[in-house]
């Protein structure tokens, strides 16, 4: 199982330690006043069961004591604290290269946030080139983002509500030949503005930074960007090039993925195995 370090922090804003002293997760972080039109839209969204694919390693509200859940809750705490310091509601999750775990991190961060009461979360698959989030959830890929941006389907038909949670899913949609041109449409930027009026968080999966310009463009629409790197695979050079490609956009921090299972479980063994005497 992959490890997600609690390294998500912004320089000078959060202490570099193990998270001690941080406030508890915020169940009611500030949210913009809902737009009546979009707020009513959510009641018309199709509900689908939470039925993750085998070996997807998605965290589950009904199994909160599992260690990977703790890692993502730690990240959630830091994100919610950052949200009290600056207006962050839309986040692009990307990586320097493929196969570093960005989709795994995107979905689990969205799930962790959605487990908080009254915390509406949207998980959007903006990797229109090689989308995978719909496979993790075992739902249909279309209609989705591409169909909405092209005006071929209304927003309520493109969203899915995950039953028993505050999570909504926005799949990639029908295959398109020109993803970057599609994301350059005015409707794409307006979409980021719209979701802020309803959702407390939107987490967007995107293509790798060094293989297309999609993530760089999406980062200009979003409030912040998270970079996912894999231990033993991502080099310092690719990390440096990836960060430089984001220019002055708000890089919130780095999530490291791919630690050995023993490293992940050791710090929780005593806490979860001790019994009251």
Foldseek 3Di string as FASTA:
>chain_A
DKAWQLFQADPPPDDDDRLPPQDAQDLCQDAAAADPVVVVLQVLAAADEQDFDPPLPADDLVPCPDLNNVRLSSNNSRVSSVCVVDPAAEEEEAALAPPQCRLSNQRNNQQSQFSRPPAAEEEEELALPDGDNCNRRVHDQPDFDLCVLVVNDPPSHQKYHHPPTNYIYGHSHDRDPCSQVSCPDPVNLVVLVNVSNPHRHYYYYYYRQNPDCSSLSVLVSGQEYEYGGEPPPDDPVSVVVSVVSNPPRHHRGYIYIHDDPCVSCPVCCCVVVDDDD
